Amino acid sequence: MRVPTFVVLGGAEIGAGSVRQLLRAAAAGRLETDRIVVVDRDPACAASRIADERVRLATEDWSDWLDRHLGALGADDHVVPYHWAPHLLVEWLGRQTERAGGAAARGGGVPPHRVPIDRPTADGDRALSYATWICPPTCVEPALCPHTRGPKDWSLAADLETARSGETLDGRIVFRCLHLVYGVGTVPVAAIQAARERVLAGLRAGTRRWLVATSSHCHALATVLTVTPRAA
């Protein structure tokens, strides 16, 4: 597997752990990569102590870095989101809409998905989960759940991609953050860029309401993003 560039959001212990796992995968011949960019405002974060020429620390705010660099990444690159970060990708989509001359607003009713955990976040999104327990950051979401020891017969990402009868949405955008290698979950940059093009194309047709989620098979952040042409 070849991924030219990884972008790891967060250089604290969880992010540094992801970097180490990627390097282990490369050492084992499971992965080929040219660089791992770690984005963190703290120049002394845990990832800064990883001595490997492929690891580069970008001392910058996550959102600022995404605005400046995400559009220049290649389709084969991957983003490693931080587990407890704000919903960075929907925020980025909103700013991309505004740069294209539209207006973007988060909020509104996320359709119920009948999961055990469905709670509001401080930003007004919904935090959804099939797990009522704490999962390890490196869980690969295998076919047999390590916690229940039974079949994992669910996929929250797939649920969120499925439209509900009578819903007042114009579409659903789900950034799938799934296991790639050695316990590291990633979102392909190609999927992020395709979502931007989809939203901007819809903007040209008028106001659109999108359900936007970042989701693994077990956990998700979801919100409704309403985009409107400035003249509307």
Protein backbone atom coordinates (compact mmCIF):
# COMPACT_ATOMS: atom_id res chain seq x y z
CA MET A 1 0.00 0.00 0.00
CA ARG A 2 1.34 3.43 -0.92
CA VAL A 3 0.12 6.67 0.65
CA PRO A 4 2.41 9.55 -0.34
CA THR A 5 1.37 11.87 2.51
CA PHE A 6 -0.43 11.39 5.80
CA VAL A 7 -1.78 14.37 7.73
CA VAL A 8 -2.18 13.58 11.42
CA LEU A 9 -4.35 16.12 13.24
CA GLY A 10 -2.99 16.37 16.74
CA GLY A 11 0.48 15.64 18.04
CA ALA A 12 -0.39 14.68 21.61
CA GLU A 13 -0.25 11.07 22.80
CA ILE A 14 -3.01 9.71 20.55
CA GLY A 15 -1.67 11.45 17.46
CA ALA A 16 1.90 10.45 18.28
CA GLY A 17 0.68 6.89 18.72
CA SER A 18 -0.82 6.99 15.23
CA VAL A 19 2.49 8.23 13.83
CA ARG A 20 4.39 5.41 15.52
CA GLN A 21 1.92 2.84 14.18
CA LEU A 22 2.32 4.18 10.64
CA LEU A 23 6.09 3.96 10.96
CA ARG A 24 5.81 0.40 12.28
CA ALA A 25 3.62 -0.51 9.33
CA ALA A 26 6.21 0.95 6.98
CA ALA A 27 9.02 -0.94 8.72
CA ALA A 28 7.04 -4.17 8.36
CA GLY A 29 6.57 -3.64 4.64
CA ARG A 30 2.83 -3.05 4.95
CA LEU A 31 2.98 0.62 3.97
CA GLU A 32 5.03 2.96 1.84
CA THR A 33 4.89 6.69 2.57
CA ASP A 34 7.01 9.76 1.87
CA ARG A 35 5.96 11.99 4.72
CA ILE A 36 3.75 12.21 7.79
CA VAL A 37 2.71 15.78 8.59
CA VAL A 38 1.62 16.27 12.19
CA VAL A 39 -0.45 19.40 12.81
CA ASP A 40 -0.37 20.75 16.36
CA ARG A 41 -0.06 24.19 17.92
CA ASP A 42 2.36 22.89 20.54
CA PRO A 43 5.95 22.75 19.23
CA ALA A 44 6.82 20.46 22.14
CA CYS A 45 3.98 17.98 21.58
CA ALA A 46 4.66 14.25 21.92
CA ALA A 47 4.99 13.77 18.16
CA SER A 48 7.80 16.34 18.04
CA ARG A 49 10.04 13.81 19.79
CA ILE A 50 9.69 11.17 17.06
CA ALA A 51 13.01 11.02 15.24
CA ASP A 52 12.25 10.03 11.66
CA GLU A 53 12.95 12.12 8.58
CA ARG A 54 9.49 11.35 7.20
CA VAL A 55 7.78 13.01 10.18
CA ARG A 56 7.31 16.77 9.96
CA LEU A 57 5.63 18.96 12.56
CA ALA A 58 3.43 21.84 11.36
CA THR A 59 3.01 24.16 14.34
CA GLU A 60 -0.34 25.60 13.39
CA ASP A 61 -4.02 25.62 14.25
CA TRP A 62 -5.84 22.65 12.68
CA SER A 63 -8.40 24.74 10.80
CA ASP A 64 -5.80 27.21 9.55
CA TRP A 65 -3.63 24.38 8.26
CA LEU A 66 -6.54 22.69 6.50
CA ASP A 67 -7.53 25.96 4.82
CA ARG A 68 -3.98 26.54 3.60
CA HIS A 69 -2.98 23.04 2.55
CA LEU A 70 -5.84 20.55 2.20
CA GLY A 71 -6.67 21.64 -1.34
CA ALA A 72 -3.09 20.98 -2.45
CA LEU A 73 -2.94 17.40 -1.19
CA GLY A 74 -3.10 14.56 -3.67
CA ALA A 75 -6.01 12.18 -4.14
CA ASP A 76 -3.92 9.30 -2.77
CA ASP A 77 -3.12 11.10 0.50
CA HIS A 78 -4.95 10.43 3.77
CA VAL A 79 -5.99 12.44 6.83
CA VAL A 80 -5.86 10.95 10.33
CA PRO A 81 -8.46 12.85 12.40
CA TYR A 82 -8.01 13.34 16.12
CA HIS A 83 -10.55 11.29 18.07
CA TRP A 84 -11.86 14.16 20.20
CA ALA A 85 -11.35 17.06 17.80
CA PRO A 86 -14.13 19.44 16.79
CA HIS A 87 -15.96 18.47 13.60
CA LEU A 88 -13.14 19.88 11.49
CA LEU A 89 -14.25 18.61 8.10
CA VAL A 90 -17.74 20.13 8.25
CA GLU A 91 -16.17 23.40 9.41
CA TRP A 92 -13.81 23.23 6.43
CA LEU A 93 -16.73 22.56 4.05
CA GLY A 94 -18.51 25.59 5.43
CA ARG A 95 -15.49 27.82 4.87
CA GLN A 96 -15.03 26.44 1.36
CA THR A 97 -18.66 27.36 0.65
CA GLU A 98 -18.08 30.90 1.87
CA ARG A 99 -14.96 31.27 -0.26
CA ALA A 100 -17.03 30.22 -3.28
CA GLY A 101 -19.48 33.05 -2.60
CA GLY A 102 -22.10 31.21 -0.60
CA ALA A 103 -23.25 31.17 3.00
CA ALA A 104 -23.04 28.16 5.29
CA ALA A 105 -24.82 27.46 8.56
CA ARG A 106 -24.64 24.43 10.84
CA GLY A 107 -27.61 23.19 12.81
CA GLY A 108 -31.02 21.70 12.37
CA GLY A 109 -32.44 18.31 13.03
CA VAL A 110 -30.16 15.36 12.39
CA PRO A 111 -32.53 12.47 11.65
CA PRO A 112 -32.60 9.88 14.46
CA HIS A 113 -30.52 6.78 13.80
CA ARG A 114 -31.52 4.62 16.77
CA VAL A 115 -28.07 4.12 18.23
CA PRO A 116 -27.38 3.59 21.95
CA ILE A 117 -25.48 6.89 22.22
CA ASP A 118 -26.97 10.02 20.62
CA ARG A 119 -25.89 13.20 22.39
CA PRO A 120 -25.44 16.86 21.46
CA THR A 121 -21.96 18.34 21.40
CA ALA A 122 -20.98 21.83 22.51
CA ASP A 123 -20.95 22.86 18.83
CA GLY A 124 -24.51 21.64 18.28
CA ASP A 125 -23.57 18.47 16.38
CA ARG A 126 -24.71 14.99 17.33
CA ALA A 127 -22.24 12.50 18.80
CA LEU A 128 -23.42 9.04 17.80
CA SER A 129 -22.11 5.63 18.81
CA TYR A 130 -23.05 1.99 18.80
CA ALA A 131 -20.67 1.48 21.73
CA THR A 132 -21.74 2.22 25.30
CA TRP A 133 -18.19 1.42 26.40
CA ILE A 134 -14.84 3.14 25.79
CA CYS A 135 -13.04 1.77 22.74
CA PRO A 136 -9.24 1.84 22.39
CA PRO A 137 -7.97 4.36 19.82
CA THR A 138 -6.31 1.59 17.80
CA CYS A 139 -9.39 -0.64 17.48
CA VAL A 140 -9.62 -1.91 13.90
CA GLU A 141 -13.39 -2.52 14.19
CA PRO A 142 -13.05 -6.21 13.29
CA ALA A 143 -15.90 -8.52 12.30
CA LEU A 144 -15.95 -9.82 15.88
CA CYS A 145 -16.21 -6.94 18.37
CA PRO A 146 -13.41 -7.22 20.98
CA HIS A 147 -15.74 -5.88 23.68
CA THR A 148 -18.94 -7.86 23.11
CA ARG A 149 -17.08 -10.86 21.65
CA GLY A 150 -19.94 -11.15 19.21
CA PRO A 151 -20.41 -10.30 15.55
CA LYS A 152 -20.10 -6.62 14.64
CA ASP A 153 -23.30 -6.55 12.60
CA TRP A 154 -23.50 -2.77 12.36
CA SER A 155 -21.91 0.07 10.42
CA LEU A 156 -22.72 3.57 11.53
CA ALA A 157 -21.03 4.98 8.42
CA ALA A 158 -23.38 2.95 6.21
CA ASP A 159 -26.38 3.94 8.34
CA LEU A 160 -25.54 7.61 7.95
CA GLU A 161 -25.26 7.26 4.18
CA THR A 162 -28.78 5.83 3.94
CA ALA A 163 -31.58 8.34 3.35
CA ARG A 164 -34.72 8.11 5.48
CA SER A 165 -38.20 8.33 4.04
CA GLY A 166 -39.63 11.84 4.26
CA GLU A 167 -36.44 13.54 5.43
CA THR A 168 -35.92 17.17 4.46
CA LEU A 169 -32.32 16.79 3.32
CA ASP A 170 -30.91 17.27 -0.15
CA GLY A 171 -28.19 14.70 0.38
CA ARG A 172 -25.78 13.05 2.77
CA ILE A 173 -22.01 13.39 2.91
CA VAL A 174 -20.19 10.89 5.11
CA PHE A 175 -16.45 11.09 5.58
CA ARG A 176 -15.64 7.46 6.31
CA CYS A 177 -12.82 7.20 8.85
CA LEU A 178 -11.97 3.52 8.63
CA HIS A 179 -9.05 1.33 9.59
CA LEU A 180 -6.24 1.54 7.07
CA VAL A 181 -3.26 -0.17 8.66
CA TYR A 182 -1.91 -1.10 12.10
CA GLY A 183 -4.87 0.34 14.00
CA VAL A 184 -4.87 3.76 12.32
CA GLY A 185 -8.15 5.08 10.95
CA THR A 186 -8.00 7.55 8.07
CA VAL A 187 -10.16 9.60 5.73
CA PRO A 188 -8.99 9.57 2.09
CA VAL A 189 -8.27 13.04 0.74
CA ALA A 190 -10.05 12.04 -2.47
CA ALA A 191 -13.30 11.69 -0.50
CA ILE A 192 -12.83 15.10 1.13
CA GLN A 193 -12.20 16.82 -2.18
CA ALA A 194 -15.17 15.05 -3.81
CA ALA A 195 -17.41 16.28 -1.00
CA ARG A 196 -16.30 19.85 -1.59
CA GLU A 197 -17.09 19.58 -5.31
CA ARG A 198 -20.48 18.08 -4.54
CA VAL A 199 -21.41 20.88 -2.15
CA LEU A 200 -20.21 23.62 -4.50
CA ALA A 201 -22.06 22.07 -7.45
CA GLY A 202 -25.23 21.96 -5.37
CA LEU A 203 -24.72 25.57 -4.34
CA ARG A 204 -25.07 26.65 -7.96
CA ALA A 205 -28.58 25.17 -7.98
CA GLY A 206 -29.78 27.03 -4.89
CA THR A 207 -30.08 26.41 -1.17
CA ARG A 208 -29.18 22.88 -0.11
CA ARG A 209 -29.35 21.06 3.23
CA TRP A 210 -26.75 18.34 3.71
CA LEU A 211 -26.28 15.87 6.49
CA VAL A 212 -22.51 15.85 7.00
CA ALA A 213 -20.83 13.25 9.18
CA THR A 214 -17.40 11.93 9.98
CA SER A 215 -17.91 8.30 10.88
CA SER A 216 -16.28 4.97 11.54
CA HIS A 217 -18.34 1.80 11.75
CA CYS A 218 -18.96 2.46 15.46
CA HIS A 219 -18.72 6.21 16.18
CA ALA A 220 -19.65 9.44 14.42
CA LEU A 221 -20.11 13.18 14.57
CA ALA A 222 -23.05 14.39 12.48
CA THR A 223 -24.67 17.72 11.73
CA VAL A 224 -26.81 19.45 9.13
CA LEU A 225 -25.03 21.99 6.93
CA THR A 226 -27.23 24.44 5.04
CA VAL A 227 -25.53 26.19 2.13
CA THR A 228 -27.12 29.15 0.36
CA PRO A 229 -26.05 31.29 -2.60
CA ARG A 230 -25.39 34.86 -1.50
CA ALA A 231 -28.09 36.20 -3.80
CA ALA A 232 -30.74 33.83 -2.42
